Amino acid sequence: MDKIKKNTLVSMLIKLEDEEGNIIDESEELMYLHGGYNQIFKKIEDELEGKKAGDTFHVVLTPAEAYGEYDEALHVKELLEDLPEDITVGTELDGEEEGIVYVVESIDEEYATLNANHELAGIALIASGKILEIEQLSDEAAEELLEGEHQH
């Protein structure tokens, strides 16, 4: 029977919970290409290596292994006069550093509170699920799949 290894297309059910058991996400079905392509968290991918269809998994992710530690430096208060006039709660603003995006959390008379942390930063997660099916792809098919993802 086939086992999950590099360039295996994996279809699975997955549930993400916090440490208190609150469900963060429960997917109908998730597909990803196994093999270090950063399509799912590395620790989950490591856990799935060598498993087969029908197997289940349970992985505890530290904040660093999931969405990162919460960074207070990414939670800032800015004067409204220094921001675009048309901002509202939920507006996304590019930070000065490449790849940093701030979300407006609140607005008062003078200030807006901005946060560039992922909403799940600083939270340990528990991932559990079941492998539904797997399909081993050729290197060429895997490459085509990856190239297709990058063309929007």
N, C-alpha and C. Protein backbone atom coordinates (compact mmCIF):
# COMPACT_ATOMS: atom_id res chain seq x y z
N MET A 1 0.83 -1.19 0.00
CA MET A 1 0.00 0.00 0.00
C MET A 1 0.88 1.26 0.00
N ASP A 2 0.45 2.26 -0.74
CA ASP A 2 1.22 3.50 -0.83
C ASP A 2 1.29 4.21 0.51
N LYS A 3 2.44 4.84 0.74
CA LYS A 3 2.64 5.65 1.93
C LYS A 3 3.00 7.07 1.51
N ILE A 4 2.74 8.02 2.39
CA ILE A 4 3.03 9.43 2.08
C ILE A 4 4.53 9.65 2.06
N LYS A 5 4.99 10.18 0.94
CA LYS A 5 6.40 10.57 0.79
C LYS A 5 6.44 11.78 -0.15
N LYS A 6 7.63 12.22 -0.49
CA LYS A 6 7.76 13.41 -1.34
C LYS A 6 6.92 13.28 -2.61
N ASN A 7 6.26 14.38 -2.97
CA ASN A 7 5.40 14.47 -4.16
C ASN A 7 4.16 13.58 -4.09
N THR A 8 3.67 13.36 -2.87
CA THR A 8 2.39 12.67 -2.71
C THR A 8 1.31 13.74 -2.54
N LEU A 9 0.26 13.63 -3.33
CA LEU A 9 -0.89 14.51 -3.17
C LEU A 9 -1.76 13.89 -2.08
N VAL A 10 -1.95 14.64 -0.98
CA VAL A 10 -2.64 14.12 0.19
C VAL A 10 -3.99 14.82 0.34
N SER A 11 -5.03 14.03 0.53
CA SER A 11 -6.37 14.56 0.81
C SER A 11 -6.72 14.10 2.22
N MET A 12 -7.12 15.08 3.07
CA MET A 12 -7.38 14.72 4.46
C MET A 12 -8.43 15.62 5.08
N LEU A 13 -8.98 15.14 6.19
CA LEU A 13 -9.82 15.96 7.05
C LEU A 13 -8.91 16.45 8.16
N ILE A 14 -9.04 17.72 8.54
CA ILE A 14 -8.19 18.24 9.61
C ILE A 14 -8.99 19.20 10.48
N LYS A 15 -8.71 19.14 11.77
CA LYS A 15 -9.35 20.04 12.73
C LYS A 15 -8.25 20.72 13.52
N LEU A 16 -8.33 22.05 13.66
CA LEU A 16 -7.40 22.81 14.49
C LEU A 16 -8.15 23.31 15.71
N GLU A 17 -7.57 23.04 16.88
CA GLU A 17 -8.16 23.50 18.14
C GLU A 17 -7.10 24.22 18.95
N ASP A 18 -7.56 25.12 19.84
CA ASP A 18 -6.60 25.69 20.79
C ASP A 18 -6.51 24.75 21.99
N GLU A 19 -5.69 25.11 22.96
CA GLU A 19 -5.46 24.21 24.10
C GLU A 19 -6.70 24.00 24.97
N GLU A 20 -7.66 24.91 24.89
CA GLU A 20 -8.90 24.75 25.66
C GLU A 20 -9.93 23.90 24.93
N GLY A 21 -9.60 23.47 23.71
CA GLY A 21 -10.53 22.65 22.95
C GLY A 21 -11.48 23.44 22.06
N ASN A 22 -11.27 24.76 21.97
CA ASN A 22 -12.10 25.57 21.06
C ASN A 22 -11.68 25.28 19.63
N ILE A 23 -12.64 24.99 18.76
CA ILE A 23 -12.32 24.69 17.37
C ILE A 23 -12.01 25.98 16.63
N ILE A 24 -10.81 26.04 16.06
CA ILE A 24 -10.36 27.21 15.30
C ILE A 24 -10.76 27.03 13.84
N ASP A 25 -10.57 25.83 13.33
CA ASP A 25 -10.90 25.54 11.94
C ASP A 25 -11.16 24.05 11.81
N GLU A 26 -12.17 23.73 11.04
CA GLU A 26 -12.48 22.32 10.78
C GLU A 26 -12.82 22.24 9.30
N SER A 27 -11.88 21.70 8.52
CA SER A 27 -12.07 21.72 7.07
C SER A 27 -12.92 20.54 6.61
N GLU A 28 -13.64 20.78 5.53
CA GLU A 28 -14.36 19.69 4.88
C GLU A 28 -13.33 18.68 4.38
N GLU A 29 -12.41 19.20 3.58
CA GLU A 29 -11.35 18.37 3.03
C GLU A 29 -10.22 19.30 2.61
N LEU A 30 -9.01 18.92 2.95
CA LEU A 30 -7.84 19.73 2.62
C LEU A 30 -6.92 18.87 1.76
N MET A 31 -6.42 19.46 0.69
CA MET A 31 -5.44 18.76 -0.14
C MET A 31 -4.15 19.55 -0.13
N TYR A 32 -3.04 18.85 -0.08
CA TYR A 32 -1.74 19.52 -0.18
C TYR A 32 -0.75 18.57 -0.83
N LEU A 33 0.33 19.15 -1.35
CA LEU A 33 1.40 18.36 -1.95
C LEU A 33 2.50 18.18 -0.91
N HIS A 34 2.76 16.92 -0.54
CA HIS A 34 3.74 16.58 0.49
C HIS A 34 5.15 16.68 -0.10
N GLY A 35 6.07 17.20 0.71
CA GLY A 35 7.46 17.21 0.26
C GLY A 35 8.20 18.50 0.57
N GLY A 36 7.80 19.20 1.60
CA GLY A 36 8.54 20.40 1.99
C GLY A 36 8.23 21.62 1.14
N TYR A 37 7.02 21.71 0.63
CA TYR A 37 6.64 22.84 -0.23
C TYR A 37 5.95 23.96 0.57
N ASN A 38 5.99 23.86 1.90
CA ASN A 38 5.40 24.88 2.78
C ASN A 38 3.91 25.09 2.55
N GLN A 39 3.20 24.02 2.22
CA GLN A 39 1.75 24.12 2.04
C GLN A 39 1.00 23.87 3.33
N ILE A 40 1.63 23.19 4.28
CA ILE A 40 1.05 23.02 5.62
C ILE A 40 2.21 23.16 6.61
N PHE A 41 1.87 23.24 7.90
CA PHE A 41 2.92 23.39 8.91
C PHE A 41 3.87 22.20 8.86
N LYS A 42 5.18 22.49 8.99
CA LYS A 42 6.21 21.48 8.88
C LYS A 42 6.00 20.32 9.86
N LYS A 43 5.61 20.62 11.09
CA LYS A 43 5.45 19.55 12.09
C LYS A 43 4.32 18.59 11.70
N ILE A 44 3.25 19.12 11.07
CA ILE A 44 2.18 18.23 10.61
C ILE A 44 2.69 17.38 9.45
N GLU A 45 3.42 18.02 8.53
CA GLU A 45 3.96 17.27 7.40
C GLU A 45 4.90 16.17 7.88
N ASP A 46 5.75 16.48 8.85
CA ASP A 46 6.66 15.47 9.41
C ASP A 46 5.87 14.29 10.00
N GLU A 47 4.77 14.60 10.68
CA GLU A 47 3.93 13.57 11.31
C GLU A 47 3.28 12.66 10.26
N LEU A 48 2.93 13.25 9.10
CA LEU A 48 2.23 12.48 8.06
C LEU A 48 3.16 11.63 7.20
N GLU A 49 4.44 11.93 7.22
CA GLU A 49 5.42 11.16 6.44
C GLU A 49 5.29 9.68 6.77
N GLY A 50 5.11 8.84 5.74
CA GLY A 50 5.05 7.39 5.93
C GLY A 50 3.66 6.85 6.27
N LYS A 51 2.70 7.74 6.50
CA LYS A 51 1.33 7.26 6.79
C LYS A 51 0.62 6.90 5.49
N LYS A 52 -0.54 6.25 5.63
CA LYS A 52 -1.31 5.84 4.45
C LYS A 52 -2.77 6.23 4.61
N ALA A 53 -3.53 6.09 3.53
CA ALA A 53 -4.96 6.42 3.57
C ALA A 53 -5.63 5.65 4.69
N GLY A 54 -6.49 6.34 5.45
CA GLY A 54 -7.18 5.71 6.57
C GLY A 54 -6.53 5.99 7.91
N ASP A 55 -5.23 6.35 7.89
CA ASP A 55 -4.53 6.65 9.14
C ASP A 55 -5.04 7.96 9.73
N THR A 56 -4.92 8.08 11.05
CA THR A 56 -5.27 9.32 11.72
C THR A 56 -4.00 9.96 12.28
N PHE A 57 -4.11 11.22 12.67
CA PHE A 57 -2.96 11.91 13.24
C PHE A 57 -3.42 12.89 14.31
N HIS A 58 -2.49 13.22 15.20
CA HIS A 58 -2.74 14.16 16.30
C HIS A 58 -1.40 14.83 16.59
N VAL A 59 -1.33 16.16 16.38
CA VAL A 59 -0.07 16.88 16.53
C VAL A 59 -0.31 18.13 17.37
N VAL A 60 0.56 18.37 18.35
CA VAL A 60 0.51 19.60 19.14
C VAL A 60 1.56 20.56 18.57
N LEU A 61 1.11 21.76 18.22
CA LEU A 61 2.00 22.77 17.65
C LEU A 61 2.21 23.90 18.65
N THR A 62 3.45 24.23 18.94
CA THR A 62 3.72 25.41 19.77
C THR A 62 3.41 26.64 18.92
N PRO A 63 3.25 27.81 19.53
CA PRO A 63 3.02 29.01 18.71
C PRO A 63 4.08 29.20 17.62
N ALA A 64 5.34 28.94 17.95
CA ALA A 64 6.42 29.11 16.97
C ALA A 64 6.28 28.14 15.79
N GLU A 65 5.71 26.96 16.03
CA GLU A 65 5.52 25.97 14.96
C GLU A 65 4.25 26.23 14.16
N ALA A 66 3.40 27.12 14.66
CA ALA A 66 2.14 27.43 13.97
C ALA A 66 2.23 28.82 13.35
N TYR A 67 1.56 29.79 13.93
CA TYR A 67 1.50 31.14 13.34
C TYR A 67 2.48 32.12 13.96
N GLY A 68 3.41 31.62 14.78
CA GLY A 68 4.43 32.49 15.36
C GLY A 68 4.05 33.01 16.74
N GLU A 69 5.08 33.49 17.44
CA GLU A 69 4.86 34.09 18.76
C GLU A 69 4.21 35.45 18.57
N TYR A 70 3.46 35.89 19.58
CA TYR A 70 2.85 37.22 19.53
C TYR A 70 3.95 38.25 19.74
N ASP A 71 4.03 39.24 18.86
CA ASP A 71 5.08 40.25 18.91
C ASP A 71 4.47 41.60 19.26
N GLU A 72 4.72 42.05 20.49
CA GLU A 72 4.16 43.34 20.96
C GLU A 72 4.57 44.50 20.05
N ALA A 73 5.75 44.41 19.43
CA ALA A 73 6.23 45.48 18.55
C ALA A 73 5.34 45.65 17.31
N LEU A 74 4.54 44.62 17.01
CA LEU A 74 3.65 44.68 15.84
C LEU A 74 2.25 45.17 16.22
N HIS A 75 2.08 45.57 17.48
CA HIS A 75 0.80 46.09 17.98
C HIS A 75 1.06 47.54 18.38
N VAL A 76 0.59 48.49 17.57
CA VAL A 76 0.97 49.89 17.74
C VAL A 76 -0.24 50.82 17.73
N LYS A 77 -0.02 52.00 18.33
CA LYS A 77 -1.02 53.07 18.31
C LYS A 77 -0.45 54.19 17.43
N GLU A 78 -1.24 54.63 16.46
CA GLU A 78 -0.77 55.69 15.56
C GLU A 78 -1.75 56.86 15.60
N LEU A 79 -1.21 58.06 15.47
CA LEU A 79 -2.07 59.24 15.37
C LEU A 79 -2.88 59.17 14.08
N LEU A 80 -4.16 59.49 14.18
CA LEU A 80 -5.03 59.45 12.99
C LEU A 80 -4.49 60.36 11.88
N GLU A 81 -3.90 61.49 12.28
CA GLU A 81 -3.40 62.44 11.27
C GLU A 81 -2.25 61.86 10.45
N ASP A 82 -1.61 60.78 10.96
CA ASP A 82 -0.50 60.14 10.23
C ASP A 82 -0.98 59.00 9.33
N LEU A 83 -2.30 58.75 9.32
CA LEU A 83 -2.85 57.63 8.55
C LEU A 83 -3.79 58.14 7.46
N PRO A 84 -4.08 57.29 6.46
CA PRO A 84 -5.04 57.70 5.43
C PRO A 84 -6.39 58.07 6.07
N GLU A 85 -7.08 59.04 5.49
CA GLU A 85 -8.34 59.54 6.08
C GLU A 85 -9.46 58.51 6.07
N ASP A 86 -9.47 57.64 5.08
CA ASP A 86 -10.62 56.75 4.87
C ASP A 86 -10.52 55.40 5.59
N ILE A 87 -9.64 55.29 6.60
CA ILE A 87 -9.51 53.99 7.27
C ILE A 87 -10.73 53.69 8.14
N THR A 88 -11.01 52.39 8.25
CA THR A 88 -12.07 51.91 9.14
C THR A 88 -11.51 50.68 9.86
N VAL A 89 -12.20 50.22 10.88
CA VAL A 89 -11.78 48.99 11.57
C VAL A 89 -11.77 47.87 10.53
N GLY A 90 -10.66 47.14 10.48
CA GLY A 90 -10.53 46.06 9.49
C GLY A 90 -9.69 46.44 8.28
N THR A 91 -9.45 47.75 8.08
CA THR A 91 -8.62 48.19 6.96
C THR A 91 -7.21 47.61 7.10
N GLU A 92 -6.63 47.16 5.99
CA GLU A 92 -5.26 46.66 5.99
C GLU A 92 -4.33 47.74 5.45
N LEU A 93 -3.24 47.97 6.16
CA LEU A 93 -2.25 48.97 5.75
C LEU A 93 -0.88 48.30 5.66
N ASP A 94 -0.15 48.56 4.58
CA ASP A 94 1.20 48.01 4.45
C ASP A 94 2.13 48.71 5.42
N GLY A 95 2.95 47.91 6.09
CA GLY A 95 3.95 48.47 6.99
C GLY A 95 5.16 48.92 6.19
N GLU A 96 6.11 49.54 6.87
CA GLU A 96 7.33 50.01 6.19
C GLU A 96 8.20 48.83 5.76
N GLU A 97 8.16 47.74 6.54
CA GLU A 97 8.94 46.55 6.19
C GLU A 97 8.18 45.71 5.17
N GLU A 98 8.90 45.12 4.25
CA GLU A 98 8.31 44.25 3.23
C GLU A 98 7.55 43.09 3.88
N GLY A 99 6.32 42.85 3.45
CA GLY A 99 5.56 41.71 3.93
C GLY A 99 4.80 41.93 5.22
N ILE A 100 4.95 43.10 5.86
CA ILE A 100 4.23 43.38 7.10
C ILE A 100 2.94 44.13 6.76
N VAL A 101 1.82 43.57 7.17
CA VAL A 101 0.52 44.21 6.92
C VAL A 101 -0.16 44.42 8.27
N TYR A 102 -0.51 45.67 8.53
CA TYR A 102 -1.22 46.02 9.76
C TYR A 102 -2.73 46.03 9.51
N VAL A 103 -3.50 45.57 10.49
CA VAL A 103 -4.95 45.63 10.42
C VAL A 103 -5.41 46.63 11.49
N VAL A 104 -6.29 47.53 11.10
CA VAL A 104 -6.82 48.51 12.04
C VAL A 104 -7.78 47.79 12.99
N GLU A 105 -7.44 47.79 14.29
CA GLU A 105 -8.26 47.10 15.30
C GLU A 105 -9.30 48.02 15.92
N SER A 106 -8.91 49.28 16.15
CA SER A 106 -9.85 50.22 16.75
C SER A 106 -9.45 51.64 16.40
N ILE A 107 -10.43 52.55 16.48
CA ILE A 107 -10.20 53.95 16.16
C ILE A 107 -10.90 54.78 17.24
N ASP A 108 -10.18 55.77 17.81
CA ASP A 108 -10.85 56.69 18.72
C ASP A 108 -10.69 58.10 18.18
N GLU A 109 -10.86 59.10 19.03
CA GLU A 109 -10.82 60.50 18.57
C GLU A 109 -9.49 60.86 17.89
N GLU A 110 -8.38 60.39 18.48
CA GLU A 110 -7.06 60.80 17.99
C GLU A 110 -6.21 59.68 17.40
N TYR A 111 -6.46 58.47 17.86
CA TYR A 111 -5.57 57.36 17.52
C TYR A 111 -6.29 56.19 16.86
N ALA A 112 -5.49 55.40 16.13
CA ALA A 112 -5.94 54.11 15.64
C ALA A 112 -4.98 53.06 16.20
N THR A 113 -5.51 51.92 16.61
CA THR A 113 -4.68 50.81 17.08
C THR A 113 -4.53 49.85 15.91
N LEU A 114 -3.27 49.53 15.59
CA LEU A 114 -2.95 48.67 14.45
C LEU A 114 -2.23 47.42 14.96
N ASN A 115 -2.48 46.29 14.29
CA ASN A 115 -1.85 45.04 14.70
C ASN A 115 -1.44 44.24 13.46
N ALA A 116 -0.14 43.88 13.41
CA ALA A 116 0.36 43.09 12.28
C ALA A 116 0.61 41.62 12.66
N ASN A 117 0.23 41.24 13.88
CA ASN A 117 0.33 39.83 14.26
C ASN A 117 -0.77 39.04 13.57
N HIS A 118 -0.49 37.79 13.22
CA HIS A 118 -1.55 36.91 12.72
C HIS A 118 -2.55 36.74 13.86
N GLU A 119 -3.83 36.60 13.53
CA GLU A 119 -4.85 36.49 14.59
C GLU A 119 -4.62 35.29 15.50
N LEU A 120 -3.87 34.29 15.04
CA LEU A 120 -3.59 33.11 15.88
C LEU A 120 -2.16 33.11 16.43
N ALA A 121 -1.45 34.24 16.29
CA ALA A 121 -0.09 34.32 16.83
C ALA A 121 -0.13 34.15 18.34
N GLY A 122 0.86 33.43 18.87
CA GLY A 122 0.96 33.23 20.30
C GLY A 122 0.08 32.12 20.85
N ILE A 123 -0.61 31.41 19.98
CA ILE A 123 -1.53 30.36 20.42
C ILE A 123 -0.99 28.99 20.02
N ALA A 124 -0.92 28.09 20.99
CA ALA A 124 -0.56 26.70 20.69
C ALA A 124 -1.79 26.05 20.06
N LEU A 125 -1.58 25.22 19.06
CA LEU A 125 -2.69 24.57 18.36
C LEU A 125 -2.56 23.06 18.41
N ILE A 126 -3.70 22.40 18.37
CA ILE A 126 -3.73 20.95 18.29
C ILE A 126 -4.38 20.61 16.95
N ALA A 127 -3.65 19.88 16.12
CA ALA A 127 -4.16 19.48 14.81
C ALA A 127 -4.42 17.99 14.84
N SER A 128 -5.64 17.61 14.43
CA SER A 128 -5.95 16.19 14.37
C SER A 128 -6.78 15.95 13.12
N GLY A 129 -6.73 14.73 12.65
CA GLY A 129 -7.50 14.43 11.46
C GLY A 129 -7.28 13.04 10.94
N LYS A 130 -7.75 12.83 9.70
CA LYS A 130 -7.68 11.52 9.08
C LYS A 130 -7.30 11.69 7.62
N ILE A 131 -6.42 10.83 7.15
CA ILE A 131 -6.00 10.84 5.76
C ILE A 131 -7.06 10.11 4.94
N LEU A 132 -7.62 10.80 3.95
CA LEU A 132 -8.68 10.22 3.13
C LEU A 132 -8.10 9.44 1.97
N GLU A 133 -7.27 10.09 1.17
CA GLU A 133 -6.63 9.38 0.06
C GLU A 133 -5.30 10.02 -0.27
N ILE A 134 -4.45 9.24 -0.90
CA ILE A 134 -3.14 9.75 -1.32
C ILE A 134 -2.89 9.29 -2.75
N GLU A 135 -2.13 10.13 -3.47
CA GLU A 135 -1.78 9.80 -4.85
C GLU A 135 -0.34 10.22 -5.09
N GLN A 136 0.48 9.28 -5.48
CA GLN A 136 1.89 9.59 -5.75
C GLN A 136 1.98 10.25 -7.12
N LEU A 137 2.58 11.45 -7.17
CA LEU A 137 2.74 12.15 -8.44
C LEU A 137 4.17 12.00 -8.94
N SER A 138 4.32 12.06 -10.25
CA SER A 138 5.67 12.09 -10.82
C SER A 138 6.27 13.46 -10.50
N ASP A 139 7.58 13.58 -10.60
CA ASP A 139 8.23 14.87 -10.35
C ASP A 139 7.66 15.94 -11.29
N GLU A 140 7.40 15.54 -12.53
CA GLU A 140 6.89 16.49 -13.53
C GLU A 140 5.48 16.97 -13.14
N ALA A 141 4.61 16.05 -12.73
CA ALA A 141 3.24 16.40 -12.34
C ALA A 141 3.25 17.30 -11.10
N ALA A 142 4.14 17.01 -10.16
CA ALA A 142 4.24 17.83 -8.95
C ALA A 142 4.70 19.24 -9.32
N GLU A 143 5.67 19.33 -10.21
CA GLU A 143 6.17 20.64 -10.66
C GLU A 143 5.07 21.44 -11.34
N GLU A 144 4.29 20.77 -12.19
CA GLU A 144 3.18 21.44 -12.88
C GLU A 144 2.16 21.97 -11.89
N LEU A 145 1.85 21.16 -10.88
CA LEU A 145 0.90 21.56 -9.85
C LEU A 145 1.41 22.80 -9.11
N LEU A 146 2.68 22.79 -8.74
CA LEU A 146 3.27 23.92 -8.04
C LEU A 146 3.30 25.17 -8.91
N GLU A 147 3.64 25.01 -10.19
CA GLU A 147 3.68 26.15 -11.10
C GLU A 147 2.28 26.74 -11.28
N GLY A 148 1.27 25.89 -11.35
CA GLY A 148 -0.11 26.34 -11.50
C GLY A 148 -0.56 27.19 -10.33
N GLU A 149 -0.03 26.88 -9.11
CA GLU A 149 -0.38 27.64 -7.92
C GLU A 149 0.14 29.06 -7.99
N HIS A 150 1.28 29.25 -8.63
CA HIS A 150 1.92 30.56 -8.64
C HIS A 150 1.42 31.46 -9.76
N GLN A 151 0.54 30.94 -10.60
CA GLN A 151 -0.02 31.75 -11.66
C GLN A 151 -1.46 32.07 -11.32
N HIS A 152 -1.68 33.30 -10.88
CA HIS A 152 -3.02 33.68 -10.42
C HIS A 152 -3.80 34.32 -11.54
